[in-house]
Protein backbone atom coordinates (compact mmCIF):
# COMPACT_ATOMS: atom_id res chain seq x y z
CA MET A 1 107.14 -79.09 -42.75
CA ALA A 2 103.66 -78.20 -41.59
CA SER A 3 100.30 -77.23 -43.04
CA TYR A 4 98.69 -73.91 -42.16
CA LEU A 5 95.13 -72.68 -42.60
CA ILE A 6 95.23 -68.87 -42.61
CA LEU A 7 91.80 -67.28 -42.23
CA GLY A 8 92.03 -63.89 -43.85
CA ALA A 9 94.19 -62.76 -46.78
CA GLY A 10 94.56 -59.15 -45.72
CA ARG A 11 97.76 -57.59 -44.44
CA PHE A 12 98.13 -59.84 -41.40
CA GLY A 13 97.19 -62.99 -43.26
CA ARG A 14 99.81 -62.29 -45.92
CA LEU A 15 102.41 -61.47 -43.26
CA ALA A 16 101.66 -64.80 -41.59
CA TRP A 17 102.14 -66.67 -44.87
CA GLN A 18 105.38 -64.80 -45.69
CA ARG A 19 106.97 -65.26 -42.29
CA LEU A 20 106.03 -68.89 -41.89
CA GLY A 21 107.09 -69.60 -45.47
CA GLU A 22 110.51 -68.08 -44.80
CA ARG A 23 110.84 -70.00 -41.52
CA GLU A 24 109.59 -73.33 -42.86
CA PRO A 25 110.21 -73.64 -46.62
CA GLY A 26 108.13 -76.40 -48.17
CA SER A 27 105.16 -75.99 -45.85
CA ASP A 28 101.64 -76.03 -47.25
CA PHE A 29 99.34 -73.03 -46.94
CA CYS A 30 95.65 -72.43 -47.48
CA LEU A 31 94.49 -68.80 -47.34
CA VAL A 32 90.76 -68.16 -47.07
CA ASP A 33 89.01 -64.84 -47.62
CA HIS A 34 85.63 -63.72 -48.94
CA ASP A 35 87.37 -60.93 -50.89
CA SER A 36 88.73 -62.09 -54.25
CA GLN A 37 90.88 -58.96 -54.57
CA LYS A 38 92.82 -59.84 -51.42
CA LEU A 39 93.30 -63.40 -52.63
CA GLY A 40 94.57 -62.02 -55.93
CA LEU A 41 97.60 -60.57 -54.09
CA ILE A 42 98.81 -64.07 -53.23
CA PRO A 43 101.33 -65.36 -55.78
CA LYS A 44 100.62 -68.55 -57.69
CA ASN A 45 102.46 -71.42 -56.05
CA PRO A 46 101.76 -75.17 -55.84
CA ALA A 47 102.20 -74.99 -52.05
CA ILE A 48 99.63 -72.20 -51.67
CA GLN A 49 95.90 -72.81 -52.01
CA THR A 50 93.52 -69.85 -52.03
CA VAL A 51 89.81 -70.20 -51.33
CA GLN A 52 87.14 -67.54 -51.65
CA ALA A 53 84.77 -68.26 -48.77
CA THR A 54 83.59 -67.02 -45.39
CA ALA A 55 86.21 -68.04 -42.85
CA ALA A 56 83.87 -69.56 -40.26
CA VAL A 57 82.00 -71.59 -42.88
CA PHE A 58 85.16 -72.91 -44.49
CA LEU A 59 86.70 -73.78 -41.12
CA GLY A 60 83.60 -75.71 -40.08
CA ASP A 61 83.42 -77.61 -43.35
CA SER A 62 87.13 -78.43 -43.30
CA LEU A 63 87.22 -79.77 -39.77
CA GLU A 64 84.02 -81.73 -40.26
CA ALA A 65 85.65 -83.43 -43.24
CA GLU A 66 88.77 -84.07 -41.12
CA ARG A 67 91.03 -82.33 -43.61
CA TRP A 68 92.85 -80.90 -40.66
CA PRO A 69 95.75 -78.50 -41.02
CA ASP A 70 98.50 -78.61 -38.43
CA TRP A 71 97.74 -75.03 -37.41
CA ILE A 72 94.86 -72.56 -37.71
CA ILE A 73 95.86 -68.89 -37.91
CA PRO A 74 93.01 -66.38 -37.46
CA ALA A 75 93.82 -63.17 -39.33
CA ILE A 76 90.38 -61.53 -39.43
CA PRO A 77 88.63 -59.20 -36.97
CA ARG A 78 86.42 -61.98 -35.62
CA HIS A 79 86.59 -64.35 -32.64
CA VAL A 80 87.11 -67.35 -34.89
CA ALA A 81 87.12 -69.99 -32.15
CA PHE A 82 83.80 -68.77 -30.79
CA ASP A 83 82.27 -68.47 -34.27
CA TRP A 84 83.28 -72.07 -34.98
CA LEU A 85 81.97 -73.29 -31.62
CA TRP A 86 78.62 -71.56 -32.16
CA ARG A 87 78.22 -73.19 -35.56
CA GLN A 88 79.02 -76.56 -34.01
CA ARG A 89 76.30 -76.49 -31.32
CA PRO A 90 74.29 -79.75 -31.20
CA ASP A 91 70.77 -79.77 -32.65
CA ASP A 92 69.35 -81.16 -29.41
CA GLU A 93 70.80 -78.41 -27.19
CA SER A 94 69.76 -74.78 -26.73
CA TRP A 95 72.57 -72.26 -26.49
CA ARG A 96 72.46 -68.48 -26.36
CA LYS A 97 75.02 -65.72 -26.50
CA ILE A 98 75.18 -63.57 -23.37
CA PRO A 99 77.18 -60.44 -22.51
CA VAL A 100 80.53 -61.01 -20.84
CA PRO A 101 80.33 -60.06 -17.14
CA LEU A 102 81.58 -56.57 -16.33
CA ALA A 103 84.17 -58.02 -13.95
CA VAL A 104 86.15 -59.48 -16.84
CA GLY A 105 89.06 -57.17 -17.60
CA GLN A 106 88.18 -54.48 -15.07
CA ASP A 107 91.67 -54.77 -13.57
CA LEU A 108 93.49 -54.80 -16.93
CA PRO A 109 94.98 -51.80 -18.77
CA TYR A 110 92.62 -52.09 -21.73
CA VAL A 111 89.14 -53.53 -22.16
CA HIS A 112 86.62 -52.76 -24.89
CA ARG A 113 83.12 -54.16 -25.16
CA GLY A 114 81.84 -55.12 -28.62
CA ALA A 115 78.43 -55.15 -30.24
CA GLU A 116 77.65 -58.75 -29.21
CA GLY A 117 78.63 -58.19 -25.59
CA GLU A 118 82.09 -59.63 -26.18
CA VAL A 119 85.18 -57.97 -24.71
CA TYR A 120 88.57 -57.27 -26.23
CA LEU A 121 91.37 -57.32 -23.70
CA SER A 122 94.99 -56.22 -23.64
CA LEU A 123 97.83 -55.86 -21.17
CA SER A 124 99.20 -52.97 -23.24
CA MET A 125 98.00 -49.45 -23.90
CA VAL A 126 100.41 -48.96 -26.82
CA LYS A 127 100.13 -50.26 -30.38
CA CYS A 128 102.20 -53.40 -30.72
CA PRO A 129 104.58 -53.88 -33.68
CA ASP A 130 103.44 -56.51 -36.15
CA ASP A 131 106.66 -58.49 -35.65
CA CYS A 132 106.51 -58.86 -31.86
CA PRO A 133 108.26 -62.10 -30.80
CA GLU A 134 106.19 -62.26 -27.57
CA PRO A 135 108.94 -62.40 -24.91
CA ALA A 136 108.01 -64.56 -21.93
CA GLU A 137 108.35 -61.99 -19.14
CA LYS A 138 108.22 -58.46 -20.55
CA CYS A 139 106.71 -56.28 -23.23
CA TYR A 140 108.81 -56.36 -26.39
CA LEU A 141 108.09 -52.70 -27.17
CA THR A 142 108.40 -51.00 -23.76
CA GLY A 143 110.55 -53.48 -21.84
CA ASP A 144 108.09 -53.37 -18.92
CA GLN A 145 107.65 -56.54 -16.90
CA ARG A 146 104.44 -58.43 -17.62
CA ALA A 147 102.35 -58.89 -14.48
CA CYS A 148 100.71 -62.02 -15.89
CA ASN A 149 100.00 -63.87 -19.09
CA LEU A 150 96.56 -62.94 -20.36
CA TYR A 151 95.65 -66.54 -21.21
CA GLU A 152 96.44 -67.54 -17.61
CA TYR A 153 94.48 -64.57 -16.26
CA LEU A 154 91.44 -65.79 -18.17
CA GLU A 155 91.97 -69.45 -17.25
CA ASN A 156 92.06 -68.58 -13.56
CA ILE A 157 89.45 -65.82 -13.41
CA ALA A 158 86.82 -66.41 -10.74
CA LEU A 159 83.30 -65.73 -11.99
CA GLN A 160 80.27 -66.95 -10.09
CA ASP A 161 78.24 -69.48 -12.12
CA TYR A 162 80.71 -69.36 -15.05
CA THR A 163 83.21 -71.85 -16.42
CA SER A 164 86.11 -70.12 -18.13
CA LEU A 165 87.54 -71.96 -21.16
CA VAL A 166 90.52 -70.57 -23.06
CA ILE A 167 92.09 -71.32 -26.42
CA ARG A 168 95.71 -70.27 -26.15
CA SER A 169 97.13 -68.62 -29.25
CA ARG A 170 100.74 -69.79 -29.58
CA GLN A 171 103.50 -67.84 -31.27
CA LEU A 172 104.49 -69.54 -34.54
CA ALA A 173 106.59 -66.69 -35.95
CA PRO A 174 107.09 -63.04 -34.96
CA GLY A 175 103.62 -61.48 -34.86
CA VAL A 176 101.94 -64.74 -35.94
CA GLY A 177 99.77 -66.73 -33.54
CA GLY A 178 97.69 -69.83 -33.99
CA TYR A 179 96.24 -72.96 -32.45
CA ARG A 180 95.69 -76.58 -33.42
CA PRO A 181 92.36 -78.00 -34.62
CA ALA A 182 92.36 -80.34 -31.63
CA ASP A 183 92.12 -77.30 -29.36
CA LEU A 184 88.78 -76.41 -30.96
CA TRP A 185 87.40 -79.93 -30.63
CA GLN A 186 88.49 -80.03 -26.98
CA LEU A 187 86.68 -76.72 -26.40
CA ARG A 188 83.49 -78.13 -27.90
CA HIS A 189 83.79 -81.31 -25.84
CA GLN A 190 84.13 -79.28 -22.64
CA VAL A 191 81.10 -77.13 -23.39
CA ILE A 192 78.95 -80.14 -24.29
CA SER A 193 80.09 -82.03 -21.20
CA LEU A 194 79.25 -79.22 -18.81
CA GLY A 195 76.24 -77.01 -18.20
CA GLY A 196 75.51 -73.44 -17.23
CA LYS A 197 77.35 -70.33 -18.35
CA PHE A 198 80.73 -70.08 -20.04
CA LEU A 199 83.37 -67.50 -20.71
CA ILE A 200 84.89 -68.54 -24.05
CA SER A 201 88.20 -66.84 -24.81
CA THR A 202 91.12 -66.86 -27.18
CA ALA A 203 94.28 -65.22 -25.87
CA CYS A 204 98.03 -65.03 -26.20
CA ARG A 205 100.33 -63.56 -23.57
CA CYS A 206 99.12 -59.96 -24.03
CA HIS A 207 95.88 -59.81 -26.04
CA GLY A 208 92.59 -61.65 -26.15
CA VAL A 209 88.87 -61.71 -26.81
CA SER A 210 86.08 -63.26 -24.75
CA HIS A 211 82.45 -64.15 -25.48
CA GLY A 212 79.71 -65.23 -23.10
CA LEU A 213 77.69 -68.38 -23.70
CA GLU A 214 74.87 -70.08 -21.81
CA LYS A 215 73.38 -73.53 -22.27
CA LEU A 216 69.63 -73.53 -21.58
CA THR A 217 67.85 -76.47 -20.03
CA GLY A 218 64.27 -77.49 -19.24
CA THR A 219 61.71 -74.74 -19.39
CA GLU A 220 64.39 -72.12 -20.12
CA ALA A 221 65.09 -73.81 -23.45
CA VAL A 222 61.39 -74.11 -24.25
CA VAL A 223 60.53 -70.46 -23.69
CA GLY A 224 63.91 -69.11 -24.84
CA ILE A 225 64.63 -67.21 -21.65
């Protein structure tokens, strides 16, 4: 049995809870959402905790208190790992968000740039079914061979002056991906240990999101350049 923190109680959050509950009866679940109506759709059960809160805030508070779940499952339209990392920046360091370089994703089938300069990436141009089992070598829907795994593409991407750090989303049930709390703490340790610019990504085999981050030093930090 395992414990799961599901961030988001919308359709995909509820699907995650249902599929993992069927696969691993007796597991513990905590579903977090700012919307009480969505939480109201979750049945009352001693193994299911519901919390009305902002996902990033709750995640930060939970991991700071070391009440760690076995798995974190993001089910909201946010880059949860980056949001958590940003909230965990040290008081004595100056960080800023920067646009992801245009080179990221230019050779992939799908890339979309968001309002914060982040990019959403995919190896597929078709809408994936919500129960995709993520086959190792080919697309579940089309049967086409996969040229690469997106998480490996991002791990190995060559960007001048950038360090690329990737949280891999691992398949826990069909259509359900997640990562361990230790992956987030390792990400933070790497950023704090290094300097310069970073590409911070979360990705599974086919889909991902990337944010740009820069640590400022010396006069840059003082003037906020």
